[in-house]
Amino acid sequence: MNRDIELKKLAERIKSVRLEKKISQEALAHKCDFDRTYISLLERAKRNPTYFNLIRLCEGLEISIDELVKGL
């Protein structure tokens, strides 16, 4: 497993779901109680989210973790 490739796939999925739901990075950050720059870093695969931050992110996106990572 190549960690960089897997993190990039997750980053692309996060951004894709956010855009499908028509949520800005700022609005998502507010819903998750994150800084907007953290969302940007996640979407560019510059940060690897902890499990608990992934839970908060999915709550903000209103999806399950299963839905987010399905097929990755």
PDB file of N, CA and C in Angstrom:
ATOM      1  N   MET A   1       0.843  -1.185   0.000  1.00  0.00           N
ATOM      2  CA  MET A   1       0.000   0.000   0.000  1.00  0.00           C
ATOM      3  C   MET A   1       0.888   1.248   0.000  1.00  0.00           C
ATOM      4  N   ASN A   2       0.597   2.153  -0.899  1.00  0.00           N
ATOM      5  CA  ASN A   2       1.314   3.421  -0.963  1.00  0.00           C
ATOM      6  C   ASN A   2       0.477   4.469  -0.236  1.00  0.00           C
ATOM      7  N   ARG A   3       0.965   4.933   0.898  1.00  0.00           N
ATOM      8  CA  ARG A   3       0.205   5.873   1.726  1.00  0.00           C
ATOM      9  C   ARG A   3      -0.136   7.166   0.990  1.00  0.00           C
ATOM     10  N   ASP A   4       0.788   7.675   0.199  1.00  0.00           N
ATOM     11  CA  ASP A   4       0.541   8.928  -0.523  1.00  0.00           C
ATOM     12  C   ASP A   4      -0.609   8.775  -1.516  1.00  0.00           C
ATOM     13  N   ILE A   5      -0.643   7.651  -2.205  1.00  0.00           N
ATOM     14  CA  ILE A   5      -1.708   7.408  -3.182  1.00  0.00           C
ATOM     15  C   ILE A   5      -3.051   7.263  -2.471  1.00  0.00           C
ATOM     16  N   GLU A   6      -3.064   6.515  -1.369  1.00  0.00           N
ATOM     17  CA  GLU A   6      -4.308   6.318  -0.619  1.00  0.00           C
ATOM     18  C   GLU A   6      -4.811   7.631  -0.031  1.00  0.00           C
ATOM     19  N   LEU A   7      -3.924   8.461   0.474  1.00  0.00           N
ATOM     20  CA  LEU A   7      -4.321   9.753   1.031  1.00  0.00           C
ATOM     21  C   LEU A   7      -4.862  10.664  -0.071  1.00  0.00           C
ATOM     22  N   LYS A   8      -4.260  10.595  -1.246  1.00  0.00           N
ATOM     23  CA  LYS A   8      -4.731  11.393  -2.388  1.00  0.00           C
ATOM     24  C   LYS A   8      -6.146  10.961  -2.792  1.00  0.00           C
ATOM     25  N   LYS A   9      -6.407   9.659  -2.795  1.00  0.00           N
ATOM     26  CA  LYS A   9      -7.749   9.165  -3.121  1.00  0.00           C
ATOM     27  C   LYS A   9      -8.778   9.678  -2.114  1.00  0.00           C
ATOM     28  N   LEU A  10      -8.421   9.629  -0.839  1.00  0.00           N
ATOM     29  CA  LEU A  10      -9.327  10.129   0.199  1.00  0.00           C
ATOM     30  C   LEU A  10      -9.564  11.626   0.022  1.00  0.00           C
ATOM     31  N   ALA A  11      -8.509  12.363  -0.262  1.00  0.00           N
ATOM     32  CA  ALA A  11      -8.614  13.808  -0.467  1.00  0.00           C
ATOM     33  C   ALA A  11      -9.563  14.126  -1.620  1.00  0.00           C
ATOM     34  N   GLU A  12      -9.407  13.395  -2.716  1.00  0.00           N
ATOM     35  CA  GLU A  12     -10.274  13.622  -3.879  1.00  0.00           C
ATOM     36  C   GLU A  12     -11.728  13.306  -3.556  1.00  0.00           C
ATOM     37  N   ARG A  13     -11.948  12.241  -2.768  1.00  0.00           N
ATOM     38  CA  ARG A  13     -13.309  11.869  -2.397  1.00  0.00           C
ATOM     39  C   ARG A  13     -13.943  12.935  -1.503  1.00  0.00           C
ATOM     40  N   ILE A  14     -13.186  13.447  -0.537  1.00  0.00           N
ATOM     41  CA  ILE A  14     -13.705  14.491   0.351  1.00  0.00           C
ATOM     42  C   ILE A  14     -14.147  15.688  -0.476  1.00  0.00           C
ATOM     43  N   LYS A  15     -13.293  16.132  -1.374  1.00  0.00           N
ATOM     44  CA  LYS A  15     -13.623  17.287  -2.199  1.00  0.00           C
ATOM     45  C   LYS A  15     -14.823  16.996  -3.092  1.00  0.00           C
ATOM     46  N   SER A  16     -14.861  15.826  -3.686  1.00  0.00           N
ATOM     47  CA  SER A  16     -15.954  15.446  -4.573  1.00  0.00           C
ATOM     48  C   SER A  16     -17.294  15.466  -3.839  1.00  0.00           C
ATOM     49  N   VAL A  17     -17.336  14.878  -2.662  1.00  0.00           N
ATOM     50  CA  VAL A  17     -18.583  14.853  -1.886  1.00  0.00           C
ATOM     51  C   VAL A  17     -18.989  16.268  -1.498  1.00  0.00           C
ATOM     52  N   ARG A  18     -18.017  17.061  -1.066  1.00  0.00           N
ATOM     53  CA  ARG A  18     -18.325  18.447  -0.679  1.00  0.00           C
ATOM     54  C   ARG A  18     -18.921  19.217  -1.851  1.00  0.00           C
ATOM     55  N   LEU A  19     -18.330  19.062  -3.020  1.00  0.00           N
ATOM     56  CA  LEU A  19     -18.828  19.773  -4.194  1.00  0.00           C
ATOM     57  C   LEU A  19     -20.194  19.252  -4.633  1.00  0.00           C
ATOM     58  N   GLU A  20     -20.417  17.932  -4.549  1.00  0.00           N
ATOM     59  CA  GLU A  20     -21.724  17.362  -4.883  1.00  0.00           C
ATOM     60  C   GLU A  20     -22.811  17.945  -3.999  1.00  0.00           C
ATOM     61  N   LYS A  21     -22.471  18.189  -2.754  1.00  0.00           N
ATOM     62  CA  LYS A  21     -23.437  18.722  -1.797  1.00  0.00           C
ATOM     63  C   LYS A  21     -23.492  20.253  -1.815  1.00  0.00           C
ATOM     64  N   LYS A  22     -22.674  20.839  -2.696  1.00  0.00           N
ATOM     65  CA  LYS A  22     -22.646  22.292  -2.868  1.00  0.00           C
ATOM     66  C   LYS A  22     -22.384  23.034  -1.548  1.00  0.00           C
ATOM     67  N   ILE A  23     -21.367  22.545  -0.846  1.00  0.00           N
ATOM     68  CA  ILE A  23     -20.957  23.149   0.419  1.00  0.00           C
ATOM     69  C   ILE A  23     -19.583  23.780   0.211  1.00  0.00           C
ATOM     70  N   SER A  24     -19.414  25.002   0.632  1.00  0.00           N
ATOM     71  CA  SER A  24     -18.103  25.638   0.538  1.00  0.00           C
ATOM     72  C   SER A  24     -17.178  25.060   1.609  1.00  0.00           C
ATOM     73  N   GLN A  25     -15.897  25.242   1.398  1.00  0.00           N
ATOM     74  CA  GLN A  25     -14.936  24.804   2.418  1.00  0.00           C
ATOM     75  C   GLN A  25     -15.225  25.510   3.736  1.00  0.00           C
ATOM     76  N   GLU A  26     -15.546  26.768   3.663  1.00  0.00           N
ATOM     77  CA  GLU A  26     -15.821  27.546   4.873  1.00  0.00           C
ATOM     78  C   GLU A  26     -17.051  27.020   5.606  1.00  0.00           C
ATOM     79  N   ALA A  27     -18.119  26.722   4.866  1.00  0.00           N
ATOM     80  CA  ALA A  27     -19.340  26.205   5.487  1.00  0.00           C
ATOM     81  C   ALA A  27     -19.099  24.828   6.102  1.00  0.00           C
ATOM     82  N   LEU A  28     -18.355  23.979   5.405  1.00  0.00           N
ATOM     83  CA  LEU A  28     -18.050  22.657   5.938  1.00  0.00           C
ATOM     84  C   LEU A  28     -17.195  22.782   7.195  1.00  0.00           C
ATOM     85  N   ALA A  29     -16.214  23.635   7.158  1.00  0.00           N
ATOM     86  CA  ALA A  29     -15.359  23.844   8.326  1.00  0.00           C
ATOM     87  C   ALA A  29     -16.193  24.293   9.520  1.00  0.00           C
ATOM     88  N   HIS A  30     -17.133  25.181   9.286  1.00  0.00           N
ATOM     89  CA  HIS A  30     -18.002  25.672  10.361  1.00  0.00           C
ATOM     90  C   HIS A  30     -18.832  24.525  10.941  1.00  0.00           C
ATOM     91  N   LYS A  31     -19.396  23.685  10.067  1.00  0.00           N
ATOM     92  CA  LYS A  31     -20.216  22.563  10.517  1.00  0.00           C
ATOM     93  C   LYS A  31     -19.412  21.561  11.341  1.00  0.00           C
ATOM     94  N   CYS A  32     -18.133  21.413  11.004  1.00  0.00           N
ATOM     95  CA  CYS A  32     -17.277  20.423  11.666  1.00  0.00           C
ATOM     96  C   CYS A  32     -16.478  21.007  12.820  1.00  0.00           C
ATOM     97  N   ASP A  33     -16.560  22.312  12.991  1.00  0.00           N
ATOM     98  CA  ASP A  33     -15.750  23.033  13.975  1.00  0.00           C
ATOM     99  C   ASP A  33     -14.257  22.880  13.676  1.00  0.00           C
ATOM    100  N   PHE A  34     -13.923  23.007  12.387  1.00  0.00           N
ATOM    101  CA  PHE A  34     -12.546  23.014  11.909  1.00  0.00           C
ATOM    102  C   PHE A  34     -12.242  24.398  11.356  1.00  0.00           C
ATOM    103  N   ASP A  35     -10.979  24.672  11.154  1.00  0.00           N
ATOM    104  CA  ASP A  35     -10.573  25.870  10.432  1.00  0.00           C
ATOM    105  C   ASP A  35     -10.715  25.578   8.936  1.00  0.00           C
ATOM    106  N   ARG A  36     -11.054  26.583   8.142  1.00  0.00           N
ATOM    107  CA  ARG A  36     -11.202  26.381   6.702  1.00  0.00           C
ATOM    108  C   ARG A  36      -9.911  25.871   6.077  1.00  0.00           C
ATOM    109  N   THR A  37      -8.789  26.320   6.579  1.00  0.00           N
ATOM    110  CA  THR A  37      -7.520  25.869   6.005  1.00  0.00           C
ATOM    111  C   THR A  37      -7.306  24.373   6.221  1.00  0.00           C
ATOM    112  N   TYR A  38      -7.865  23.822   7.291  1.00  0.00           N
ATOM    113  CA  TYR A  38      -7.754  22.381   7.529  1.00  0.00           C
ATOM    114  C   TYR A  38      -8.497  21.608   6.439  1.00  0.00           C
ATOM    115  N   ILE A  39      -9.680  22.087   6.054  1.00  0.00           N
ATOM    116  CA  ILE A  39     -10.430  21.446   4.967  1.00  0.00           C
ATOM    117  C   ILE A  39      -9.611  21.507   3.682  1.00  0.00           C
ATOM    118  N   SER A  40      -9.019  22.649   3.407  1.00  0.00           N
ATOM    119  CA  SER A  40      -8.183  22.801   2.218  1.00  0.00           C
ATOM    120  C   SER A  40      -7.006  21.823   2.244  1.00  0.00           C
ATOM    121  N   LEU A  41      -6.363  21.701   3.385  1.00  0.00           N
ATOM    122  CA  LEU A  41      -5.231  20.781   3.507  1.00  0.00           C
ATOM    123  C   LEU A  41      -5.674  19.330   3.313  1.00  0.00           C
ATOM    124  N   LEU A  42      -6.841  18.970   3.837  1.00  0.00           N
ATOM    125  CA  LEU A  42      -7.362  17.619   3.634  1.00  0.00           C
ATOM    126  C   LEU A  42      -7.607  17.350   2.157  1.00  0.00           C
ATOM    127  N   GLU A  43      -8.222  18.313   1.484  1.00  0.00           N
ATOM    128  CA  GLU A  43      -8.570  18.137   0.075  1.00  0.00           C
ATOM    129  C   GLU A  43      -7.355  18.121  -0.846  1.00  0.00           C
ATOM    130  N   ARG A  44      -6.242  18.613  -0.374  1.00  0.00           N
ATOM    131  CA  ARG A  44      -5.014  18.589  -1.170  1.00  0.00           C
ATOM    132  C   ARG A  44      -4.056  17.502  -0.703  1.00  0.00           C
ATOM    133  N   ALA A  45      -4.556  16.618   0.168  1.00  0.00           N
ATOM    134  CA  ALA A  45      -3.767  15.501   0.695  1.00  0.00           C
ATOM    135  C   ALA A  45      -2.510  15.961   1.434  1.00  0.00           C
ATOM    136  N   LYS A  46      -2.604  17.114   2.057  1.00  0.00           N
ATOM    137  CA  LYS A  46      -1.482  17.633   2.840  1.00  0.00           C
ATOM    138  C   LYS A  46      -1.606  17.262   4.310  1.00  0.00           C
ATOM    139  N   ARG A  47      -2.794  16.788   4.710  1.00  0.00           N
ATOM    140  CA  ARG A  47      -3.034  16.350   6.084  1.00  0.00           C
ATOM    141  C   ARG A  47      -3.720  14.997   6.060  1.00  0.00           C
ATOM    142  N   ASN A  48      -3.378  14.167   7.010  1.00  0.00           N
ATOM    143  CA  ASN A  48      -3.988  12.860   7.173  1.00  0.00           C
ATOM    144  C   ASN A  48      -4.912  12.955   8.392  1.00  0.00           C
ATOM    145  N   PRO A  49      -6.227  12.901   8.191  1.00  0.00           N
ATOM    146  CA  PRO A  49      -7.128  13.118   9.320  1.00  0.00           C
ATOM    147  C   PRO A  49      -7.091  11.961  10.316  1.00  0.00           C
ATOM    148  N   THR A  50      -7.235  12.289  11.583  1.00  0.00           N
ATOM    149  CA  THR A  50      -7.389  11.250  12.595  1.00  0.00           C
ATOM    150  C   THR A  50      -8.772  10.630  12.435  1.00  0.00           C
ATOM    151  N   TYR A  51      -8.972   9.508  13.059  1.00  0.00           N
ATOM    152  CA  TYR A  51     -10.268   8.835  13.002  1.00  0.00           C
ATOM    153  C   TYR A  51     -11.373   9.759  13.517  1.00  0.00           C
ATOM    154  N   PHE A  52     -11.125  10.434  14.623  1.00  0.00           N
ATOM    155  CA  PHE A  52     -12.157  11.296  15.203  1.00  0.00           C
ATOM    156  C   PHE A  52     -12.446  12.513  14.332  1.00  0.00           C
ATOM    157  N   ASN A  53     -11.436  13.045  13.668  1.00  0.00           N
ATOM    158  CA  ASN A  53     -11.683  14.141  12.731  1.00  0.00           C
ATOM    159  C   ASN A  53     -12.423  13.644  11.501  1.00  0.00           C
ATOM    160  N   LEU A  54     -12.172  12.416  11.102  1.00  0.00           N
ATOM    161  CA  LEU A  54     -12.903  11.825   9.980  1.00  0.00           C
ATOM    162  C   LEU A  54     -14.384  11.674  10.336  1.00  0.00           C
ATOM    163  N   ILE A  55     -14.655  11.287  11.568  1.00  0.00           N
ATOM    164  CA  ILE A  55     -16.045  11.204  12.035  1.00  0.00           C
ATOM    165  C   ILE A  55     -16.708  12.581  11.955  1.00  0.00           C
ATOM    166  N   ARG A  56     -16.042  13.598  12.462  1.00  0.00           N
ATOM    167  CA  ARG A  56     -16.596  14.964  12.431  1.00  0.00           C
ATOM    168  C   ARG A  56     -16.809  15.432  10.996  1.00  0.00           C
ATOM    169  N   LEU A  57     -15.859  15.121  10.129  1.00  0.00           N
ATOM    170  CA  LEU A  57     -15.966  15.511   8.726  1.00  0.00           C
ATOM    171  C   LEU A  57     -17.191  14.855   8.086  1.00  0.00           C
ATOM    172  N   CYS A  58     -17.365  13.577   8.326  1.00  0.00           N
ATOM    173  CA  CYS A  58     -18.512  12.865   7.754  1.00  0.00           C
ATOM    174  C   CYS A  58     -19.829  13.385   8.319  1.00  0.00           C
ATOM    175  N   GLU A  59     -19.842  13.739   9.581  1.00  0.00           N
ATOM    176  CA  GLU A  59     -21.049  14.340  10.150  1.00  0.00           C
ATOM    177  C   GLU A  59     -21.364  15.648   9.435  1.00  0.00           C
ATOM    178  N   GLY A  60     -20.341  16.444   9.168  1.00  0.00           N
ATOM    179  CA  GLY A  60     -20.528  17.707   8.457  1.00  0.00           C
ATOM    180  C   GLY A  60     -21.007  17.503   7.032  1.00  0.00           C
ATOM    181  N   LEU A  61     -20.538  16.432   6.404  1.00  0.00           N
ATOM    182  CA  LEU A  61     -20.956  16.117   5.035  1.00  0.00           C
ATOM    183  C   LEU A  61     -22.274  15.335   5.005  1.00  0.00           C
ATOM    184  N   GLU A  62     -22.728  14.933   6.184  1.00  0.00           N
ATOM    185  CA  GLU A  62     -23.969  14.170   6.336  1.00  0.00           C
ATOM    186  C   GLU A  62     -23.921  12.845   5.580  1.00  0.00           C
ATOM    187  N   ILE A  63     -22.786  12.153   5.739  1.00  0.00           N
ATOM    188  CA  ILE A  63     -22.611  10.810   5.179  1.00  0.00           C
ATOM    189  C   ILE A  63     -21.904   9.954   6.219  1.00  0.00           C
ATOM    190  N   SER A  64     -21.924   8.656   6.009  1.00  0.00           N
ATOM    191  CA  SER A  64     -21.192   7.761   6.906  1.00  0.00           C
ATOM    192  C   SER A  64     -19.744   7.623   6.418  1.00  0.00           C
ATOM    193  N   ILE A  65     -18.906   7.170   7.313  1.00  0.00           N
ATOM    194  CA  ILE A  65     -17.521   6.909   6.914  1.00  0.00           C
ATOM    195  C   ILE A  65     -17.504   5.836   5.825  1.00  0.00           C
ATOM    196  N   ASP A  66     -18.381   4.841   5.949  1.00  0.00           N
ATOM    197  CA  ASP A  66     -18.471   3.790   4.924  1.00  0.00           C
ATOM    198  C   ASP A  66     -18.708   4.390   3.545  1.00  0.00           C
ATOM    199  N   GLU A  67     -19.635   5.352   3.477  1.00  0.00           N
ATOM    200  CA  GLU A  67     -19.939   5.989   2.187  1.00  0.00           C
ATOM    201  C   GLU A  67     -18.728   6.753   1.673  1.00  0.00           C
ATOM    202  N   LEU A  68     -18.025   7.413   2.565  1.00  0.00           N
ATOM    203  CA  LEU A  68     -16.874   8.217   2.143  1.00  0.00           C
ATOM    204  C   LEU A  68     -15.758   7.346   1.566  1.00  0.00           C
ATOM    205  N   VAL A  69     -15.490   6.231   2.200  1.00  0.00           N
ATOM    206  CA  VAL A  69     -14.331   5.433   1.790  1.00  0.00           C
ATOM    207  C   VAL A  69     -14.689   4.271   0.864  1.00  0.00           C
ATOM    208  N   LYS A  70     -15.959   4.107   0.538  1.00  0.00           N
ATOM    209  CA  LYS A  70     -16.373   2.999  -0.324  1.00  0.00           C
ATOM    210  C   LYS A  70     -15.624   3.063  -1.665  1.00  0.00           C
ATOM    211  N   GLY A  71     -15.003   1.961  -2.004  1.00  0.00           N
ATOM    212  CA  GLY A  71     -14.309   1.850  -3.277  1.00  0.00           C
ATOM    213  C   GLY A  71     -12.910   2.429  -3.322  1.00  0.00           C
ATOM    214  N   LEU A  72     -12.437   2.948  -2.203  1.00  0.00           N
ATOM    215  CA  LEU A  72     -11.079   3.505  -2.217  1.00  0.00           C
ATOM    216  C   LEU A  72     -10.104   2.390  -2.143  1.00  0.00           C
TER     217      LEU A  72
END
